N, C-alpha and C. Protein backbone atom coordinates (compact mmCIF):
# COMPACT_ATOMS: atom_id res chain seq x y z
N MET A 1 -24.65 5.28 -10.73
CA MET A 1 -24.43 5.00 -9.33
C MET A 1 -25.64 5.46 -8.53
N THR A 2 -26.05 4.64 -7.59
CA THR A 2 -27.13 5.02 -6.68
C THR A 2 -26.54 5.11 -5.28
N LEU A 3 -27.34 5.64 -4.35
CA LEU A 3 -26.86 5.74 -2.98
C LEU A 3 -26.60 4.36 -2.37
N LYS A 4 -27.30 3.34 -2.84
CA LYS A 4 -27.04 1.98 -2.34
C LYS A 4 -25.60 1.57 -2.63
N ASP A 5 -25.06 2.06 -3.74
CA ASP A 5 -23.69 1.72 -4.14
C ASP A 5 -22.63 2.38 -3.26
N LEU A 6 -23.02 3.31 -2.41
CA LEU A 6 -22.06 4.07 -1.61
C LEU A 6 -21.61 3.35 -0.35
N ASN A 7 -22.27 2.26 0.00
CA ASN A 7 -21.93 1.53 1.24
C ASN A 7 -21.94 2.46 2.45
N ILE A 8 -23.06 3.13 2.64
CA ILE A 8 -23.19 4.08 3.75
C ILE A 8 -23.14 3.34 5.07
N ASN A 9 -22.34 3.89 5.99
CA ASN A 9 -22.22 3.32 7.34
C ASN A 9 -22.06 4.47 8.33
N LYS A 10 -21.73 4.14 9.54
CA LYS A 10 -21.67 5.15 10.61
C LYS A 10 -20.56 6.19 10.41
N SER A 11 -19.70 6.02 9.41
CA SER A 11 -18.70 7.05 9.13
C SER A 11 -19.28 8.15 8.24
N TRP A 12 -20.51 7.99 7.79
CA TRP A 12 -21.18 8.96 6.92
C TRP A 12 -22.02 9.94 7.74
N THR A 13 -22.26 11.11 7.15
CA THR A 13 -23.09 12.14 7.76
C THR A 13 -24.26 12.45 6.84
N LEU A 14 -25.43 12.64 7.42
CA LEU A 14 -26.61 13.04 6.68
C LEU A 14 -26.96 14.48 7.05
N PHE A 15 -27.07 15.32 6.04
CA PHE A 15 -27.54 16.68 6.18
C PHE A 15 -28.96 16.72 5.64
N LEU A 16 -29.87 17.32 6.38
CA LEU A 16 -31.26 17.43 5.96
C LEU A 16 -31.69 18.89 5.95
N ASP A 17 -32.37 19.29 4.89
CA ASP A 17 -33.09 20.55 4.93
C ASP A 17 -34.30 20.30 5.83
N ARG A 18 -34.96 21.36 6.28
CA ARG A 18 -36.11 21.15 7.17
C ARG A 18 -37.43 21.30 6.43
N ASP A 19 -37.76 22.52 6.04
CA ASP A 19 -39.06 22.79 5.42
C ASP A 19 -39.17 22.09 4.07
N GLY A 20 -40.18 21.23 3.94
CA GLY A 20 -40.37 20.49 2.70
C GLY A 20 -39.67 19.15 2.69
N VAL A 21 -38.86 18.87 3.71
CA VAL A 21 -38.17 17.58 3.83
C VAL A 21 -38.61 16.89 5.11
N ILE A 22 -38.57 17.59 6.22
CA ILE A 22 -38.99 17.04 7.51
C ILE A 22 -40.44 17.43 7.79
N ASN A 23 -40.75 18.69 7.58
CA ASN A 23 -42.11 19.19 7.83
C ASN A 23 -42.71 19.76 6.55
N LYS A 24 -44.03 19.81 6.55
CA LYS A 24 -44.75 20.37 5.41
C LYS A 24 -44.50 21.86 5.32
N LYS A 25 -44.27 22.32 4.10
CA LYS A 25 -44.15 23.76 3.86
C LYS A 25 -45.54 24.37 3.90
N LEU A 26 -45.59 25.61 4.34
CA LEU A 26 -46.85 26.35 4.32
C LEU A 26 -46.88 27.19 3.05
N ASP A 27 -48.02 27.25 2.40
CA ASP A 27 -48.15 28.06 1.19
C ASP A 27 -47.99 29.53 1.52
N ASN A 28 -47.01 30.16 0.91
CA ASN A 28 -46.77 31.60 1.07
C ASN A 28 -46.69 32.05 2.52
N ASP A 29 -46.11 31.21 3.37
CA ASP A 29 -46.00 31.55 4.79
C ASP A 29 -44.81 30.80 5.38
N TYR A 30 -44.56 31.04 6.64
CA TYR A 30 -43.47 30.40 7.37
C TYR A 30 -44.04 29.64 8.56
N VAL A 31 -43.35 28.59 8.96
CA VAL A 31 -43.69 27.90 10.20
C VAL A 31 -43.15 28.79 11.32
N LYS A 32 -44.06 29.48 11.99
CA LYS A 32 -43.66 30.46 13.00
C LYS A 32 -43.86 29.96 14.43
N HIS A 33 -44.68 28.92 14.58
CA HIS A 33 -45.00 28.39 15.90
C HIS A 33 -45.10 26.87 15.80
N TRP A 34 -44.91 26.18 16.92
CA TRP A 34 -44.98 24.72 16.92
C TRP A 34 -46.32 24.22 16.37
N MET A 35 -47.41 24.95 16.65
CA MET A 35 -48.71 24.48 16.16
C MET A 35 -48.81 24.56 14.63
N ASP A 36 -47.90 25.29 13.99
CA ASP A 36 -47.85 25.35 12.51
C ASP A 36 -47.02 24.21 11.92
N PHE A 37 -46.27 23.52 12.76
CA PHE A 37 -45.33 22.49 12.32
C PHE A 37 -46.06 21.16 12.15
N GLU A 38 -45.93 20.55 10.97
CA GLU A 38 -46.54 19.25 10.72
C GLU A 38 -45.54 18.36 9.99
N PHE A 39 -45.18 17.25 10.63
CA PHE A 39 -44.26 16.31 9.99
C PHE A 39 -44.86 15.79 8.69
N ILE A 40 -44.04 15.64 7.68
CA ILE A 40 -44.46 14.99 6.44
C ILE A 40 -44.67 13.51 6.75
N ASP A 41 -45.71 12.93 6.17
CA ASP A 41 -45.99 11.51 6.38
C ASP A 41 -44.75 10.66 6.11
N GLY A 42 -44.44 9.76 7.05
CA GLY A 42 -43.32 8.85 6.88
C GLY A 42 -42.00 9.34 7.45
N VAL A 43 -41.91 10.62 7.77
CA VAL A 43 -40.65 11.17 8.24
C VAL A 43 -40.21 10.56 9.57
N LEU A 44 -41.11 10.41 10.51
CA LEU A 44 -40.71 9.89 11.82
C LEU A 44 -40.21 8.45 11.70
N ASP A 45 -40.84 7.64 10.86
CA ASP A 45 -40.35 6.28 10.61
C ASP A 45 -38.99 6.34 9.92
N ALA A 46 -38.87 7.24 8.96
CA ALA A 46 -37.62 7.37 8.21
C ALA A 46 -36.47 7.76 9.14
N MET A 47 -36.73 8.66 10.08
CA MET A 47 -35.67 9.11 10.98
C MET A 47 -35.15 7.96 11.83
N LYS A 48 -36.01 7.03 12.18
CA LYS A 48 -35.57 5.86 12.95
C LYS A 48 -34.62 5.01 12.10
N ILE A 49 -34.94 4.82 10.85
CA ILE A 49 -34.08 4.05 9.94
C ILE A 49 -32.74 4.77 9.75
N LEU A 50 -32.80 6.07 9.52
CA LEU A 50 -31.58 6.84 9.28
C LEU A 50 -30.67 6.85 10.50
N ASN A 51 -31.26 6.83 11.70
CA ASN A 51 -30.50 6.78 12.94
C ASN A 51 -29.53 5.59 12.94
N GLY A 52 -29.97 4.48 12.38
CA GLY A 52 -29.14 3.29 12.35
C GLY A 52 -28.11 3.27 11.23
N LYS A 53 -28.20 4.20 10.30
CA LYS A 53 -27.33 4.21 9.12
C LYS A 53 -26.20 5.21 9.17
N PHE A 54 -26.45 6.38 9.78
CA PHE A 54 -25.49 7.49 9.71
C PHE A 54 -24.87 7.79 11.07
N GLY A 55 -23.59 8.15 11.05
CA GLY A 55 -22.90 8.52 12.28
C GLY A 55 -23.37 9.86 12.82
N HIS A 56 -23.62 10.80 11.93
CA HIS A 56 -24.13 12.11 12.32
C HIS A 56 -25.30 12.46 11.42
N ILE A 57 -26.30 13.10 12.02
CA ILE A 57 -27.45 13.61 11.28
C ILE A 57 -27.67 15.04 11.74
N VAL A 58 -27.62 15.97 10.79
CA VAL A 58 -27.81 17.38 11.13
C VAL A 58 -28.82 18.02 10.17
N VAL A 59 -29.47 19.04 10.66
CA VAL A 59 -30.40 19.82 9.86
C VAL A 59 -29.74 21.15 9.54
N VAL A 60 -29.87 21.59 8.30
CA VAL A 60 -29.38 22.90 7.87
C VAL A 60 -30.57 23.60 7.20
N THR A 61 -30.99 24.72 7.78
CA THR A 61 -32.22 25.35 7.32
C THR A 61 -32.10 26.88 7.26
N ASN A 62 -32.48 27.44 6.12
CA ASN A 62 -32.59 28.89 5.99
C ASN A 62 -33.89 29.32 6.66
N GLN A 63 -33.82 30.34 7.49
CA GLN A 63 -35.00 30.82 8.22
C GLN A 63 -35.08 32.34 8.13
N GLN A 64 -35.28 32.85 6.92
CA GLN A 64 -35.30 34.30 6.74
C GLN A 64 -36.53 34.97 7.35
N GLY A 65 -37.51 34.18 7.79
CA GLY A 65 -38.65 34.76 8.50
C GLY A 65 -38.20 35.52 9.74
N ILE A 66 -37.09 35.09 10.35
CA ILE A 66 -36.53 35.81 11.49
C ILE A 66 -36.03 37.17 11.03
N GLY A 67 -35.28 37.16 9.92
CA GLY A 67 -34.77 38.41 9.37
C GLY A 67 -35.86 39.37 8.94
N LYS A 68 -37.01 38.81 8.56
CA LYS A 68 -38.16 39.64 8.17
C LYS A 68 -38.96 40.11 9.38
N GLY A 69 -38.61 39.63 10.57
CA GLY A 69 -39.33 40.02 11.78
C GLY A 69 -40.67 39.31 11.96
N LEU A 70 -40.88 38.19 11.27
CA LEU A 70 -42.15 37.48 11.36
C LEU A 70 -42.23 36.55 12.57
N TYR A 71 -41.08 36.12 13.06
CA TYR A 71 -40.98 35.33 14.28
C TYR A 71 -39.60 35.53 14.85
N ARG A 72 -39.43 35.11 16.10
CA ARG A 72 -38.18 35.34 16.82
C ARG A 72 -37.33 34.09 16.85
N THR A 73 -36.06 34.27 17.13
CA THR A 73 -35.15 33.14 17.31
C THR A 73 -35.69 32.20 18.38
N GLU A 74 -36.25 32.75 19.45
CA GLU A 74 -36.80 31.93 20.53
C GLU A 74 -37.96 31.06 20.04
N ASP A 75 -38.77 31.59 19.12
CA ASP A 75 -39.87 30.80 18.55
C ASP A 75 -39.31 29.63 17.76
N LEU A 76 -38.29 29.90 16.96
CA LEU A 76 -37.66 28.85 16.16
C LEU A 76 -37.02 27.79 17.05
N GLU A 77 -36.35 28.22 18.11
CA GLU A 77 -35.72 27.27 19.03
C GLU A 77 -36.75 26.36 19.69
N LEU A 78 -37.92 26.89 20.02
CA LEU A 78 -38.98 26.07 20.59
C LEU A 78 -39.51 25.06 19.56
N ILE A 79 -39.67 25.48 18.34
CA ILE A 79 -40.08 24.56 17.27
C ILE A 79 -39.06 23.43 17.16
N HIS A 80 -37.79 23.78 17.13
CA HIS A 80 -36.75 22.76 16.98
C HIS A 80 -36.68 21.85 18.21
N LYS A 81 -36.85 22.41 19.39
CA LYS A 81 -36.84 21.59 20.61
C LYS A 81 -37.95 20.54 20.55
N ASN A 82 -39.15 20.95 20.15
CA ASN A 82 -40.27 20.01 20.03
C ASN A 82 -40.05 19.00 18.91
N MET A 83 -39.52 19.45 17.77
CA MET A 83 -39.23 18.56 16.65
C MET A 83 -38.23 17.47 17.08
N LEU A 84 -37.17 17.89 17.74
CA LEU A 84 -36.15 16.94 18.20
C LEU A 84 -36.72 15.96 19.21
N TYR A 85 -37.57 16.45 20.11
CA TYR A 85 -38.19 15.57 21.10
C TYR A 85 -39.03 14.49 20.42
N GLU A 86 -39.86 14.88 19.47
CA GLU A 86 -40.72 13.92 18.77
C GLU A 86 -39.89 12.88 18.02
N ILE A 87 -38.86 13.33 17.33
CA ILE A 87 -38.01 12.43 16.56
C ILE A 87 -37.30 11.46 17.50
N ASP A 88 -36.73 11.98 18.59
CA ASP A 88 -36.01 11.15 19.56
C ASP A 88 -36.95 10.15 20.23
N TYR A 89 -38.13 10.62 20.61
CA TYR A 89 -39.10 9.77 21.30
C TYR A 89 -39.47 8.55 20.47
N LEU A 90 -39.48 8.70 19.16
CA LEU A 90 -39.87 7.60 18.27
C LEU A 90 -38.67 6.86 17.68
N GLY A 91 -37.49 7.06 18.26
CA GLY A 91 -36.33 6.26 17.89
C GLY A 91 -35.43 6.86 16.84
N GLY A 92 -35.70 8.09 16.45
CA GLY A 92 -34.83 8.77 15.49
C GLY A 92 -33.81 9.62 16.21
N ARG A 93 -33.07 10.38 15.44
CA ARG A 93 -32.03 11.22 16.03
C ARG A 93 -31.67 12.34 15.06
N ILE A 94 -31.51 13.52 15.61
CA ILE A 94 -30.84 14.63 14.92
C ILE A 94 -29.83 15.16 15.92
N ASP A 95 -28.58 15.20 15.50
CA ASP A 95 -27.52 15.61 16.42
C ASP A 95 -27.51 17.12 16.69
N LYS A 96 -27.86 17.90 15.66
CA LYS A 96 -27.87 19.35 15.86
C LYS A 96 -28.63 19.99 14.69
N VAL A 97 -29.26 21.12 15.00
CA VAL A 97 -29.95 21.91 13.98
C VAL A 97 -29.19 23.22 13.81
N TYR A 98 -28.85 23.53 12.57
CA TYR A 98 -28.20 24.80 12.22
C TYR A 98 -29.19 25.61 11.41
N PHE A 99 -29.26 26.90 11.68
CA PHE A 99 -30.16 27.74 10.91
C PHE A 99 -29.50 29.08 10.59
N SER A 100 -29.92 29.63 9.48
CA SER A 100 -29.46 30.95 9.08
C SER A 100 -30.66 31.89 9.08
N PRO A 101 -30.65 32.92 9.94
CA PRO A 101 -31.80 33.82 10.06
C PRO A 101 -31.77 34.98 9.06
N PHE A 102 -30.81 34.99 8.18
CA PHE A 102 -30.57 36.16 7.34
C PHE A 102 -31.46 36.18 6.10
N LEU A 103 -31.78 37.39 5.67
CA LEU A 103 -32.54 37.58 4.45
C LEU A 103 -31.73 37.12 3.24
N ASN A 104 -32.41 36.66 2.23
CA ASN A 104 -31.75 36.25 1.00
C ASN A 104 -30.90 37.39 0.44
N SER A 105 -31.40 38.61 0.53
CA SER A 105 -30.71 39.77 -0.04
C SER A 105 -29.38 40.09 0.66
N VAL A 106 -29.20 39.59 1.88
CA VAL A 106 -27.96 39.84 2.64
C VAL A 106 -26.80 39.01 2.10
N ASN A 107 -27.13 37.85 1.49
CA ASN A 107 -26.11 36.95 0.94
C ASN A 107 -25.09 36.54 2.01
N HIS A 108 -25.57 36.24 3.20
CA HIS A 108 -24.71 35.83 4.31
C HIS A 108 -24.13 34.44 4.04
N PRO A 109 -22.88 34.19 4.42
CA PRO A 109 -22.25 32.89 4.12
C PRO A 109 -22.89 31.69 4.80
N THR A 110 -23.70 31.92 5.84
CA THR A 110 -24.38 30.78 6.46
C THR A 110 -25.66 30.42 5.73
N ARG A 111 -26.14 31.31 4.88
CA ARG A 111 -27.39 31.06 4.17
C ARG A 111 -27.11 30.20 2.94
N LYS A 112 -27.82 29.06 2.84
CA LYS A 112 -27.64 28.22 1.66
C LYS A 112 -28.02 29.01 0.41
N PRO A 113 -27.26 28.94 -0.64
CA PRO A 113 -26.28 27.92 -0.96
C PRO A 113 -24.90 28.12 -0.35
N GLY A 114 -24.71 29.18 0.42
CA GLY A 114 -23.44 29.34 1.13
C GLY A 114 -23.16 28.13 2.01
N THR A 115 -21.91 27.88 2.29
CA THR A 115 -21.50 26.65 2.98
C THR A 115 -21.32 26.82 4.49
N GLY A 116 -21.65 27.99 5.01
CA GLY A 116 -21.38 28.28 6.42
C GLY A 116 -21.96 27.29 7.41
N MET A 117 -23.20 26.84 7.20
CA MET A 117 -23.79 25.89 8.15
C MET A 117 -23.06 24.55 8.09
N GLY A 118 -22.62 24.15 6.93
CA GLY A 118 -21.85 22.90 6.80
C GLY A 118 -20.52 23.02 7.51
N LEU A 119 -19.87 24.16 7.38
CA LEU A 119 -18.58 24.38 8.05
C LEU A 119 -18.75 24.44 9.56
N GLU A 120 -19.87 25.01 10.04
CA GLU A 120 -20.17 25.00 11.47
C GLU A 120 -20.33 23.57 11.97
N ALA A 121 -21.04 22.74 11.19
CA ALA A 121 -21.24 21.34 11.58
C ALA A 121 -19.90 20.62 11.66
N LYS A 122 -19.02 20.86 10.71
CA LYS A 122 -17.69 20.23 10.69
C LYS A 122 -16.88 20.67 11.91
N LYS A 123 -17.03 21.92 12.31
CA LYS A 123 -16.34 22.42 13.50
C LYS A 123 -16.85 21.71 14.75
N ASP A 124 -18.19 21.53 14.84
CA ASP A 124 -18.79 20.88 15.99
C ASP A 124 -18.56 19.37 16.00
N PHE A 125 -18.49 18.78 14.83
CA PHE A 125 -18.30 17.32 14.67
C PHE A 125 -17.13 17.09 13.72
N PRO A 126 -15.90 17.15 14.23
CA PRO A 126 -14.71 17.07 13.36
C PRO A 126 -14.62 15.79 12.52
N ALA A 127 -15.32 14.74 12.91
CA ALA A 127 -15.28 13.50 12.13
C ALA A 127 -16.04 13.61 10.81
N ILE A 128 -16.80 14.67 10.63
CA ILE A 128 -17.54 14.82 9.37
C ILE A 128 -16.57 14.92 8.21
N ASP A 129 -16.81 14.09 7.22
CA ASP A 129 -16.06 14.09 5.96
C ASP A 129 -17.09 14.40 4.88
N PHE A 130 -16.96 15.56 4.26
CA PHE A 130 -17.99 15.97 3.29
C PHE A 130 -18.07 15.02 2.10
N THR A 131 -16.98 14.33 1.78
CA THR A 131 -17.03 13.36 0.68
C THR A 131 -17.79 12.10 1.08
N LYS A 132 -18.06 11.96 2.37
CA LYS A 132 -18.87 10.85 2.89
C LYS A 132 -20.10 11.44 3.58
N SER A 133 -20.73 12.38 2.88
CA SER A 133 -21.92 13.05 3.38
C SER A 133 -22.96 13.12 2.28
N VAL A 134 -24.21 13.12 2.71
CA VAL A 134 -25.36 13.22 1.80
C VAL A 134 -26.24 14.34 2.30
N ILE A 135 -26.74 15.16 1.38
CA ILE A 135 -27.78 16.13 1.75
C ILE A 135 -29.06 15.76 1.02
N ILE A 136 -30.15 15.77 1.77
CA ILE A 136 -31.48 15.60 1.20
C ILE A 136 -32.17 16.95 1.30
N GLY A 137 -32.57 17.48 0.15
CA GLY A 137 -33.21 18.78 0.12
C GLY A 137 -34.23 18.88 -0.98
N ASP A 138 -34.99 19.96 -0.94
CA ASP A 138 -36.05 20.14 -1.94
C ASP A 138 -35.88 21.42 -2.74
N SER A 139 -34.69 21.99 -2.71
CA SER A 139 -34.45 23.21 -3.48
C SER A 139 -33.09 23.16 -4.16
N ILE A 140 -32.96 24.00 -5.17
CA ILE A 140 -31.69 24.10 -5.88
C ILE A 140 -30.59 24.57 -4.93
N THR A 141 -30.92 25.47 -4.00
CA THR A 141 -29.90 25.96 -3.07
C THR A 141 -29.38 24.84 -2.17
N ASP A 142 -30.24 23.88 -1.82
CA ASP A 142 -29.78 22.72 -1.05
C ASP A 142 -28.75 21.93 -1.85
N MET A 143 -29.04 21.73 -3.14
CA MET A 143 -28.14 20.97 -4.00
C MET A 143 -26.82 21.72 -4.20
N GLN A 144 -26.90 23.04 -4.39
CA GLN A 144 -25.70 23.85 -4.55
C GLN A 144 -24.84 23.81 -3.29
N PHE A 145 -25.47 23.88 -2.13
CA PHE A 145 -24.78 23.78 -0.84
C PHE A 145 -24.00 22.46 -0.77
N GLY A 146 -24.70 21.36 -1.05
CA GLY A 146 -24.06 20.05 -0.98
C GLY A 146 -22.92 19.91 -1.97
N ARG A 147 -23.15 20.32 -3.19
CA ARG A 147 -22.10 20.20 -4.23
C ARG A 147 -20.88 21.04 -3.89
N ALA A 148 -21.10 22.25 -3.36
CA ALA A 148 -19.97 23.13 -3.00
C ALA A 148 -19.08 22.50 -1.94
N LEU A 149 -19.67 21.64 -1.10
CA LEU A 149 -18.90 20.97 -0.05
C LEU A 149 -18.44 19.57 -0.47
N GLY A 150 -18.82 19.11 -1.64
CA GLY A 150 -18.39 17.80 -2.13
C GLY A 150 -19.28 16.65 -1.67
N MET A 151 -20.51 16.96 -1.26
CA MET A 151 -21.45 15.92 -0.79
C MET A 151 -22.17 15.26 -1.96
N LYS A 152 -22.76 14.10 -1.66
CA LYS A 152 -23.74 13.50 -2.55
C LYS A 152 -25.05 14.24 -2.29
N THR A 153 -25.85 14.42 -3.33
CA THR A 153 -27.09 15.18 -3.17
C THR A 153 -28.29 14.34 -3.57
N VAL A 154 -29.37 14.51 -2.82
CA VAL A 154 -30.65 13.86 -3.13
C VAL A 154 -31.70 14.96 -3.17
N PHE A 155 -32.25 15.17 -4.37
CA PHE A 155 -33.29 16.18 -4.56
C PHE A 155 -34.64 15.51 -4.51
N ILE A 156 -35.50 16.01 -3.64
CA ILE A 156 -36.85 15.46 -3.55
C ILE A 156 -37.82 16.58 -3.88
N SER A 157 -38.84 16.24 -4.66
CA SER A 157 -39.65 17.32 -5.19
C SER A 157 -41.14 17.23 -4.95
N GLU A 158 -41.68 16.07 -4.64
CA GLU A 158 -43.12 15.98 -4.45
C GLU A 158 -43.46 15.69 -3.00
N GLU A 159 -44.17 16.62 -2.36
CA GLU A 159 -44.57 16.43 -0.97
C GLU A 159 -45.37 15.13 -0.84
N GLY A 160 -45.19 14.44 0.26
CA GLY A 160 -45.89 13.19 0.48
C GLY A 160 -45.04 12.00 0.09
N LYS A 161 -44.19 12.16 -0.94
CA LYS A 161 -43.32 11.08 -1.38
C LYS A 161 -41.91 11.29 -0.85
N LYS A 162 -41.63 12.49 -0.42
CA LYS A 162 -40.27 12.91 -0.13
C LYS A 162 -39.44 11.92 0.67
N MET A 163 -39.63 11.90 1.97
CA MET A 163 -38.77 11.09 2.81
C MET A 163 -39.04 9.61 2.63
N LYS A 164 -40.28 9.23 2.41
CA LYS A 164 -40.59 7.82 2.24
C LYS A 164 -39.74 7.21 1.12
N GLN A 165 -39.76 7.83 -0.05
CA GLN A 165 -39.02 7.29 -1.18
C GLN A 165 -37.51 7.44 -0.98
N SER A 166 -37.08 8.55 -0.40
CA SER A 166 -35.66 8.76 -0.18
C SER A 166 -35.11 7.71 0.78
N ILE A 167 -35.89 7.33 1.76
CA ILE A 167 -35.43 6.40 2.77
C ILE A 167 -35.34 4.98 2.23
N LEU A 168 -36.17 4.64 1.31
CA LEU A 168 -36.13 3.28 0.76
C LEU A 168 -34.74 2.93 0.24
N ILE A 169 -34.01 3.91 -0.25
CA ILE A 169 -32.68 3.62 -0.79
C ILE A 169 -31.68 3.28 0.31
N PHE A 170 -32.00 3.59 1.56
CA PHE A 170 -31.08 3.31 2.66
C PHE A 170 -31.36 1.97 3.34
N ARG A 171 -32.45 1.31 3.00
CA ARG A 171 -32.76 0.02 3.62
C ARG A 171 -31.95 -1.07 2.94
N HIS A 172 -31.50 -2.02 3.73
CA HIS A 172 -30.78 -3.19 3.17
C HIS A 172 -31.44 -4.43 3.71
């Protein structure tokens, strides 16, 4: 079975990881400021296509750099505000961004692979049906998060090909 076989429509929800899926990851560092944020090639075009396919689109992202004191929640919120503006301006959409600021060692339920961010999204958007949801991520914890909630999972592993190739499966 492929995602094309799922007959995705506006009753479906798309969950996206951020770093490595929407924006380029930094080697041994964190995106701490908007000037550090760089969209992966093809992502802005992909977001426009996804806007027409999914009823809800949300981002779920672990941000332990906050827990490490490397940047502040306010810095992250500004990054997300600018990211959302760029995506919206070019015809895409993200309904909400959820983040977990906790260190991996804390094992907080909102930190992926914990399901807390997914449950928060369901609370904010009660129409979300996890069995009619897809997560696109680039880590095992993204896949574990999706599977724990009963989602379909799409693992992407090579930067530059990520969203472009993932999006091709949603075109009809």
